[in-house]
């Protein structure tokens, strides 16, 4: 790991030390537990919050790091020593009957810029080695080599809490797609076929329909091969 760190530093033109991009020191499950206890606590200030996080006060480095994690998740704000639980924090700590805690926690996850960047960089639904993610974190998210394994660990455990990460074992995981809310797509007029696909008019009940079909074209395919593929596809669809 030290060799990799030195390589990254030389490549970035860094000197003795390299600043790491910020990320929460604790995972989302921990943050959920602390914010719920804070919400039900009679006193909520920085000292009390640090005590809920396992420290005597908020003066130590680890205590300040944990309080910063709660803010990065968007669950609290700090103003003149006071702790203000945000609306998002309230949705996590004391959800209304019709509120989805997972939805609120997902918003908390993506409030962390480095988590969102890492999620967007990861291939979905395939097995990924944590070491591979650590390299991605160093090279593209700008996490220093020393902190990269911890970043991947916090990222993966936070993602697992909301169903965005599947932990396979100690060394590998899968990053999953964000669950989408089922929304009925608006009907398109035949002339408004999406330009990214191949629009094929089909026979309907007295009305033309349009299907938009996206083709993944191999870089070795010739123009003539492509024309033949589209012609054959159109002939098959017209039979439907």
C-alpha atoms as a PDB file:
ATOM      1  CA  UNK A   1       0.000   0.000   0.000  1.00  0.00           C
ATOM      2  CA  UNK A   2       2.897   2.353   0.764  1.00  0.00           C
ATOM      3  CA  UNK A   3       4.293   1.844  -2.746  1.00  0.00           C
ATOM      4  CA  UNK A   4       0.915   2.687  -4.263  1.00  0.00           C
ATOM      5  CA  UNK A   5       0.654   5.782  -2.077  1.00  0.00           C
ATOM      6  CA  UNK A   6       4.064   7.023  -3.179  1.00  0.00           C
ATOM      7  CA  UNK A   7       3.174   6.392  -6.823  1.00  0.00           C
ATOM      8  CA  UNK A   8      -0.055   8.374  -6.505  1.00  0.00           C
ATOM      9  CA  UNK A   9       1.756  11.224  -4.800  1.00  0.00           C
ATOM     10  CA  UNK A  10       4.403  11.463  -7.504  1.00  0.00           C
ATOM     11  CA  UNK A  11       1.734  11.329 -10.208  1.00  0.00           C
ATOM     12  CA  UNK A  12      -0.148  14.217  -8.623  1.00  0.00           C
ATOM     13  CA  UNK A  13       2.961  16.263  -7.995  1.00  0.00           C
ATOM     14  CA  UNK A  14       2.366  16.198  -4.219  1.00  0.00           C
ATOM     15  CA  UNK A  15       5.055  16.814  -1.677  1.00  0.00           C
ATOM     16  CA  UNK A  16       5.361  15.209   1.752  1.00  0.00           C
ATOM     17  CA  UNK A  17       1.627  15.030   2.565  1.00  0.00           C
ATOM     18  CA  UNK A  18      -1.513  14.791   0.490  1.00  0.00           C
ATOM     19  CA  UNK A  19      -4.929  16.011   1.640  1.00  0.00           C
ATOM     20  CA  UNK A  20      -7.726  13.489   1.409  1.00  0.00           C
ATOM     21  CA  UNK A  21     -11.195  14.359   0.174  1.00  0.00           C
ATOM     22  CA  UNK A  22     -13.633  14.446   3.086  1.00  0.00           C
ATOM     23  CA  UNK A  23     -15.930  11.546   3.915  1.00  0.00           C
ATOM     24  CA  UNK A  24     -17.791  10.395   7.063  1.00  0.00           C
ATOM     25  CA  UNK A  25     -15.639   8.527   9.546  1.00  0.00           C
ATOM     26  CA  UNK A  26     -18.650   6.426  10.591  1.00  0.00           C
ATOM     27  CA  UNK A  27     -21.237   4.548   8.557  1.00  0.00           C
ATOM     28  CA  UNK A  28     -24.912   5.285   7.990  1.00  0.00           C
ATOM     29  CA  UNK A  29     -26.173   2.651  10.453  1.00  0.00           C
ATOM     30  CA  UNK A  30     -24.178   4.304  13.225  1.00  0.00           C
ATOM     31  CA  UNK A  31     -25.473   7.745  12.224  1.00  0.00           C
ATOM     32  CA  UNK A  32     -29.066   6.459  12.228  1.00  0.00           C
ATOM     33  CA  UNK A  33     -28.679   5.108  15.771  1.00  0.00           C
ATOM     34  CA  UNK A  34     -27.081   8.296  17.156  1.00  0.00           C
ATOM     35  CA  UNK A  35     -29.587  10.682  15.573  1.00  0.00           C
ATOM     36  CA  UNK A  36     -32.511   8.685  16.979  1.00  0.00           C
ATOM     37  CA  UNK A  37     -31.061   8.798  20.484  1.00  0.00           C
ATOM     38  CA  UNK A  38     -30.268  12.491  20.098  1.00  0.00           C
ATOM     39  CA  UNK A  39     -33.835  13.230  18.998  1.00  0.00           C
ATOM     40  CA  UNK A  40     -35.185  11.566  22.140  1.00  0.00           C
ATOM     41  CA  UNK A  41     -32.619  13.173  24.433  1.00  0.00           C
ATOM     42  CA  UNK A  42     -33.790  16.028  26.707  1.00  0.00           C
ATOM     43  CA  UNK A  43     -30.593  17.970  25.993  1.00  0.00           C
ATOM     44  CA  UNK A  44     -29.073  18.307  22.552  1.00  0.00           C
ATOM     45  CA  UNK A  45     -25.804  20.222  22.330  1.00  0.00           C
ATOM     46  CA  UNK A  46     -22.373  19.319  21.048  1.00  0.00           C
ATOM     47  CA  UNK A  47     -21.216  17.866  24.365  1.00  0.00           C
ATOM     48  CA  UNK A  48     -24.355  15.763  24.776  1.00  0.00           C
ATOM     49  CA  UNK A  49     -24.129  14.585  21.172  1.00  0.00           C
ATOM     50  CA  UNK A  50     -20.478  13.615  21.634  1.00  0.00           C
ATOM     51  CA  UNK A  51     -21.460  11.639  24.718  1.00  0.00           C
ATOM     52  CA  UNK A  52     -24.106   9.791  22.733  1.00  0.00           C
ATOM     53  CA  UNK A  53     -21.308   8.961  20.287  1.00  0.00           C
ATOM     54  CA  UNK A  54     -19.205   7.488  23.110  1.00  0.00           C
ATOM     55  CA  UNK A  55     -17.004  10.403  24.215  1.00  0.00           C
ATOM     56  CA  UNK A  56     -16.821  12.566  27.328  1.00  0.00           C
ATOM     57  CA  UNK A  57     -17.049  15.799  25.349  1.00  0.00           C
ATOM     58  CA  UNK A  58     -16.582  17.191  21.844  1.00  0.00           C
ATOM     59  CA  UNK A  59     -12.968  18.338  22.229  1.00  0.00           C
ATOM     60  CA  UNK A  60     -11.093  15.238  21.074  1.00  0.00           C
ATOM     61  CA  UNK A  61     -10.250  14.516  17.457  1.00  0.00           C
ATOM     62  CA  UNK A  62     -12.340  11.316  17.272  1.00  0.00           C
ATOM     63  CA  UNK A  63     -15.345  13.085  18.825  1.00  0.00           C
ATOM     64  CA  UNK A  64     -15.141  15.987  16.368  1.00  0.00           C
ATOM     65  CA  UNK A  65     -14.795  13.504  13.512  1.00  0.00           C
ATOM     66  CA  UNK A  66     -18.000  11.716  14.544  1.00  0.00           C
ATOM     67  CA  UNK A  67     -19.926  14.975  14.899  1.00  0.00           C
ATOM     68  CA  UNK A  68     -18.708  15.967  11.433  1.00  0.00           C
ATOM     69  CA  UNK A  69     -19.992  12.631  10.073  1.00  0.00           C
ATOM     70  CA  UNK A  70     -23.516  13.419  11.254  1.00  0.00           C
ATOM     71  CA  UNK A  71     -23.348  16.770   9.479  1.00  0.00           C
ATOM     72  CA  UNK A  72     -21.993  15.250   6.259  1.00  0.00           C
ATOM     73  CA  UNK A  73     -24.948  12.883   6.196  1.00  0.00           C
ATOM     74  CA  UNK A  74     -27.190  15.961   6.428  1.00  0.00           C
ATOM     75  CA  UNK A  75     -28.750  14.914   9.737  1.00  0.00           C
ATOM     76  CA  UNK A  76     -27.626  17.864  11.893  1.00  0.00           C
ATOM     77  CA  UNK A  77     -26.387  21.439  11.688  1.00  0.00           C
ATOM     78  CA  UNK A  78     -24.238  23.222  14.239  1.00  0.00           C
ATOM     79  CA  UNK A  79     -24.874  26.857  15.143  1.00  0.00           C
ATOM     80  CA  UNK A  80     -23.024  28.635  17.977  1.00  0.00           C
ATOM     81  CA  UNK A  81     -22.517  25.413  19.888  1.00  0.00           C
ATOM     82  CA  UNK A  82     -26.117  24.322  19.428  1.00  0.00           C
ATOM     83  CA  UNK A  83     -27.151  21.165  17.622  1.00  0.00           C
ATOM     84  CA  UNK A  84     -30.068  21.502  15.209  1.00  0.00           C
ATOM     85  CA  UNK A  85     -31.562  18.290  13.898  1.00  0.00           C
ATOM     86  CA  UNK A  86     -32.463  18.872  10.257  1.00  0.00           C
ATOM     87  CA  UNK A  87     -35.750  17.938   8.626  1.00  0.00           C
ATOM     88  CA  UNK A  88     -33.972  14.988   7.059  1.00  0.00           C
ATOM     89  CA  UNK A  89     -32.641  14.016  10.486  1.00  0.00           C
ATOM     90  CA  UNK A  90     -36.175  14.113  11.883  1.00  0.00           C
ATOM     91  CA  UNK A  91     -37.402  11.835   9.090  1.00  0.00           C
ATOM     92  CA  UNK A  92     -34.744   9.319  10.123  1.00  0.00           C
ATOM     93  CA  UNK A  93     -35.160   9.741  13.887  1.00  0.00           C
ATOM     94  CA  UNK A  94     -38.940  10.013  14.152  1.00  0.00           C
ATOM     95  CA  UNK A  95     -40.608   9.184  10.851  1.00  0.00           C
ATOM     96  CA  UNK A  96     -44.288   9.814  10.337  1.00  0.00           C
ATOM     97  CA  UNK A  97     -46.401   6.696   9.656  1.00  0.00           C
ATOM     98  CA  UNK A  98     -46.395   7.313   5.913  1.00  0.00           C
ATOM     99  CA  UNK A  99     -42.689   8.160   5.641  1.00  0.00           C
ATOM    100  CA  UNK A 100     -40.091   5.721   4.355  1.00  0.00           C
ATOM    101  CA  UNK A 101     -36.951   5.723   6.503  1.00  0.00           C
ATOM    102  CA  UNK A 102     -34.971   3.992   3.764  1.00  0.00           C
ATOM    103  CA  UNK A 103     -35.770   6.833   1.376  1.00  0.00           C
ATOM    104  CA  UNK A 104     -34.513   9.382   3.927  1.00  0.00           C
ATOM    105  CA  UNK A 105     -31.365   7.341   4.585  1.00  0.00           C
ATOM    106  CA  UNK A 106     -30.751   7.077   0.843  1.00  0.00           C
ATOM    107  CA  UNK A 107     -30.852  10.859   0.641  1.00  0.00           C
ATOM    108  CA  UNK A 108     -28.378  10.985   3.545  1.00  0.00           C
ATOM    109  CA  UNK A 109     -26.072   8.588   1.698  1.00  0.00           C
ATOM    110  CA  UNK A 110     -26.057  10.724  -1.447  1.00  0.00           C
ATOM    111  CA  UNK A 111     -25.587  13.901   0.592  1.00  0.00           C
ATOM    112  CA  UNK A 112     -21.997  12.722   0.936  1.00  0.00           C
ATOM    113  CA  UNK A 113     -20.339  13.934  -2.278  1.00  0.00           C
ATOM    114  CA  UNK A 114     -17.594  11.300  -2.157  1.00  0.00           C
ATOM    115  CA  UNK A 115     -20.157   8.510  -1.722  1.00  0.00           C
ATOM    116  CA  UNK A 116     -22.159   9.730  -4.711  1.00  0.00           C
ATOM    117  CA  UNK A 117     -19.003  10.006  -6.820  1.00  0.00           C
ATOM    118  CA  UNK A 118     -17.879   6.524  -5.804  1.00  0.00           C
ATOM    119  CA  UNK A 119     -21.326   5.065  -6.477  1.00  0.00           C
ATOM    120  CA  UNK A 120     -21.446   6.623  -9.951  1.00  0.00           C
ATOM    121  CA  UNK A 121     -17.971   5.250 -10.762  1.00  0.00           C
ATOM    122  CA  UNK A 122     -18.766   1.661  -9.768  1.00  0.00           C
ATOM    123  CA  UNK A 123     -20.012  -0.872 -12.299  1.00  0.00           C
ATOM    124  CA  UNK A 124     -23.378  -2.204 -11.172  1.00  0.00           C
ATOM    125  CA  UNK A 125     -24.462  -5.770 -10.404  1.00  0.00           C
ATOM    126  CA  UNK A 126     -21.044  -7.397 -10.827  1.00  0.00           C
ATOM    127  CA  UNK A 127     -18.648  -8.700  -8.204  1.00  0.00           C
ATOM    128  CA  UNK A 128     -16.065  -6.066  -7.273  1.00  0.00           C
ATOM    129  CA  UNK A 129     -12.995  -6.545  -5.117  1.00  0.00           C
ATOM    130  CA  UNK A 130     -12.674  -4.043  -2.288  1.00  0.00           C
ATOM    131  CA  UNK A 131      -9.045  -3.538  -3.312  1.00  0.00           C
ATOM    132  CA  UNK A 132     -10.285  -2.440  -6.747  1.00  0.00           C
ATOM    133  CA  UNK A 133     -12.638   0.071  -5.128  1.00  0.00           C
ATOM    134  CA  UNK A 134      -9.783   1.343  -2.966  1.00  0.00           C
ATOM    135  CA  UNK A 135      -7.749   2.036  -6.118  1.00  0.00           C
ATOM    136  CA  UNK A 136     -10.707   3.845  -7.676  1.00  0.00           C
ATOM    137  CA  UNK A 137     -11.088   5.876  -4.478  1.00  0.00           C
ATOM    138  CA  UNK A 138      -7.439   6.923  -4.618  1.00  0.00           C
ATOM    139  CA  UNK A 139      -7.219   7.725  -8.295  1.00  0.00           C
ATOM    140  CA  UNK A 140     -10.621   9.268  -9.013  1.00  0.00           C
ATOM    141  CA  UNK A 141     -12.213  10.280  -5.714  1.00  0.00           C
ATOM    142  CA  UNK A 142      -8.894  11.640  -4.396  1.00  0.00           C
ATOM    143  CA  UNK A 143      -8.853   9.657  -1.153  1.00  0.00           C
ATOM    144  CA  UNK A 144      -5.295   9.207   0.121  1.00  0.00           C
ATOM    145  CA  UNK A 145      -3.927   5.671   0.029  1.00  0.00           C
ATOM    146  CA  UNK A 146      -3.772   5.333   3.792  1.00  0.00           C
ATOM    147  CA  UNK A 147      -7.479   6.178   4.138  1.00  0.00           C
ATOM    148  CA  UNK A 148      -8.784   4.354   1.050  1.00  0.00           C
ATOM    149  CA  UNK A 149      -9.563   0.976   2.731  1.00  0.00           C
ATOM    150  CA  UNK A 150     -11.482   2.734   5.513  1.00  0.00           C
ATOM    151  CA  UNK A 151     -13.363   4.845   2.962  1.00  0.00           C
ATOM    152  CA  UNK A 152     -14.412   1.725   1.028  1.00  0.00           C
ATOM    153  CA  UNK A 153     -15.482   0.051   4.267  1.00  0.00           C
ATOM    154  CA  UNK A 154     -17.640   2.995   5.390  1.00  0.00           C
ATOM    155  CA  UNK A 155     -19.041   3.437   1.875  1.00  0.00           C
ATOM    156  CA  UNK A 156     -19.939  -0.246   1.516  1.00  0.00           C
ATOM    157  CA  UNK A 157     -21.518  -0.617   4.973  1.00  0.00           C
ATOM    158  CA  UNK A 158     -23.528   2.572   4.462  1.00  0.00           C
ATOM    159  CA  UNK A 159     -24.692   1.373   1.060  1.00  0.00           C
ATOM    160  CA  UNK A 160     -25.620  -2.019   2.488  1.00  0.00           C
ATOM    161  CA  UNK A 161     -27.944  -0.350   5.020  1.00  0.00           C
ATOM    162  CA  UNK A 162     -30.136   1.034   2.209  1.00  0.00           C
ATOM    163  CA  UNK A 163     -29.825  -1.849  -0.240  1.00  0.00           C
ATOM    164  CA  UNK A 164     -27.373  -0.202  -2.660  1.00  0.00           C
ATOM    165  CA  UNK A 165     -24.497  -2.536  -1.797  1.00  0.00           C
ATOM    166  CA  UNK A 166     -24.486  -6.304  -1.392  1.00  0.00           C
ATOM    167  CA  UNK A 167     -21.652  -7.446   0.862  1.00  0.00           C
ATOM    168  CA  UNK A 168     -20.468 -10.820  -0.437  1.00  0.00           C
ATOM    169  CA  UNK A 169     -17.537 -11.476   1.898  1.00  0.00           C
ATOM    170  CA  UNK A 170     -14.673  -9.609   3.542  1.00  0.00           C
ATOM    171  CA  UNK A 171     -13.013  -8.846   0.216  1.00  0.00           C
ATOM    172  CA  UNK A 172     -15.791  -8.372  -2.331  1.00  0.00           C
ATOM    173  CA  UNK A 173     -19.180  -6.782  -2.893  1.00  0.00           C
ATOM    174  CA  UNK A 174     -21.713  -5.778  -5.525  1.00  0.00           C
ATOM    175  CA  UNK A 175     -23.002  -2.258  -6.105  1.00  0.00           C
ATOM    176  CA  UNK A 176     -26.676  -2.288  -7.078  1.00  0.00           C
ATOM    177  CA  UNK A 177     -28.943   0.111  -8.937  1.00  0.00           C
ATOM    178  CA  UNK A 178     -30.978   2.685  -7.055  1.00  0.00           C
ATOM    179  CA  UNK A 179     -34.525   1.311  -6.723  1.00  0.00           C
ATOM    180  CA  UNK A 180     -36.735   3.390  -8.990  1.00  0.00           C
ATOM    181  CA  UNK A 181     -40.318   4.374  -8.300  1.00  0.00           C
ATOM    182  CA  UNK A 182     -42.620   2.850 -10.898  1.00  0.00           C
ATOM    183  CA  UNK A 183     -43.932   5.683 -13.036  1.00  0.00           C
ATOM    184  CA  UNK A 184     -46.020   5.173 -16.146  1.00  0.00           C
ATOM    185  CA  UNK A 185     -44.173   6.635 -19.107  1.00  0.00           C
ATOM    186  CA  UNK A 186     -46.116   9.222 -21.112  1.00  0.00           C
ATOM    187  CA  UNK A 187     -47.303   8.082 -24.521  1.00  0.00           C
ATOM    188  CA  UNK A 188     -45.261   9.322 -27.470  1.00  0.00           C
ATOM    189  CA  UNK A 189     -46.542  10.398 -30.807  1.00  0.00           C
ATOM    190  CA  UNK A 190     -45.108   8.316 -33.667  1.00  0.00           C
ATOM    191  CA  UNK A 191     -43.085  11.298 -34.868  1.00  0.00           C
ATOM    192  CA  UNK A 192     -41.385  11.720 -31.485  1.00  0.00           C
ATOM    193  CA  UNK A 193     -39.329   8.564 -31.438  1.00  0.00           C
ATOM    194  CA  UNK A 194     -36.245   8.910 -29.248  1.00  0.00           C
ATOM    195  CA  UNK A 195     -33.230   9.678 -31.436  1.00  0.00           C
ATOM    196  CA  UNK A 196     -30.985   7.366 -29.413  1.00  0.00           C
ATOM    197  CA  UNK A 197     -32.789   4.246 -30.617  1.00  0.00           C
ATOM    198  CA  UNK A 198     -34.193   2.727 -33.793  1.00  0.00           C
ATOM    199  CA  UNK A 199     -37.828   3.821 -34.209  1.00  0.00           C
ATOM    200  CA  UNK A 200     -39.947   1.096 -35.837  1.00  0.00           C
ATOM    201  CA  UNK A 201     -43.623   1.818 -36.723  1.00  0.00           C
ATOM    202  CA  UNK A 202     -45.833  -1.147 -35.830  1.00  0.00           C
ATOM    203  CA  UNK A 203     -49.363  -2.123 -36.708  1.00  0.00           C
ATOM    204  CA  UNK A 204     -51.841  -1.277 -33.968  1.00  0.00           C
ATOM    205  CA  UNK A 205     -55.540  -0.972 -33.410  1.00  0.00           C
ATOM    206  CA  UNK A 206     -56.086   1.685 -36.032  1.00  0.00           C
ATOM    207  CA  UNK A 207     -53.096   3.663 -34.779  1.00  0.00           C
ATOM    208  CA  UNK A 208     -49.380   3.529 -35.413  1.00  0.00           C
ATOM    209  CA  UNK A 209     -47.154   2.645 -32.473  1.00  0.00           C
ATOM    210  CA  UNK A 210     -43.470   3.333 -32.050  1.00  0.00           C
ATOM    211  CA  UNK A 211     -40.958   1.140 -30.297  1.00  0.00           C
ATOM    212  CA  UNK A 212     -37.578   2.588 -29.387  1.00  0.00           C
ATOM    213  CA  UNK A 213     -34.899  -0.076 -29.530  1.00  0.00           C
ATOM    214  CA  UNK A 214     -31.357   0.679 -28.364  1.00  0.00           C
ATOM    215  CA  UNK A 215     -28.635  -1.290 -30.126  1.00  0.00           C
ATOM    216  CA  UNK A 216     -25.174  -1.922 -28.716  1.00  0.00           C
ATOM    217  CA  UNK A 217     -22.978  -1.811 -31.800  1.00  0.00           C
ATOM    218  CA  UNK A 218     -19.639  -3.600 -31.816  1.00  0.00           C
ATOM    219  CA  UNK A 219     -16.776  -1.376 -32.958  1.00  0.00           C
ATOM    220  CA  UNK A 220     -15.825  -3.981 -35.613  1.00  0.00           C
ATOM    221  CA  UNK A 221     -19.259  -3.988 -37.258  1.00  0.00           C
ATOM    222  CA  UNK A 222     -19.243  -2.559 -40.770  1.00  0.00           C
ATOM    223  CA  UNK A 223     -21.849  -0.135 -42.114  1.00  0.00           C
ATOM    224  CA  UNK A 224     -23.242  -2.861 -44.384  1.00  0.00           C
ATOM    225  CA  UNK A 225     -23.582  -5.268 -41.443  1.00  0.00           C
ATOM    226  CA  UNK A 226     -25.407  -2.591 -39.485  1.00  0.00           C
ATOM    227  CA  UNK A 227     -27.839  -1.921 -42.347  1.00  0.00           C
ATOM    228  CA  UNK A 228     -28.566  -5.645 -42.626  1.00  0.00           C
ATOM    229  CA  UNK A 229     -29.173  -5.883 -38.875  1.00  0.00           C
ATOM    230  CA  UNK A 230     -31.624  -2.977 -38.869  1.00  0.00           C
ATOM    231  CA  UNK A 231     -33.399  -4.286 -41.984  1.00  0.00           C
ATOM    232  CA  UNK A 232     -33.854  -7.747 -40.442  1.00  0.00           C
ATOM    233  CA  UNK A 233     -34.995  -6.301 -37.134  1.00  0.00           C
ATOM    234  CA  UNK A 234     -37.571  -4.087 -38.840  1.00  0.00           C
ATOM    235  CA  UNK A 235     -38.938  -6.981 -40.886  1.00  0.00           C
ATOM    236  CA  UNK A 236     -39.388  -9.113 -37.770  1.00  0.00           C
ATOM    237  CA  UNK A 237     -41.123  -6.374 -35.802  1.00  0.00           C
ATOM    238  CA  UNK A 238     -43.531  -5.523 -38.587  1.00  0.00           C
ATOM    239  CA  UNK A 239     -44.841  -9.090 -38.365  1.00  0.00           C
ATOM    240  CA  UNK A 240     -46.022  -8.482 -34.780  1.00  0.00           C
END
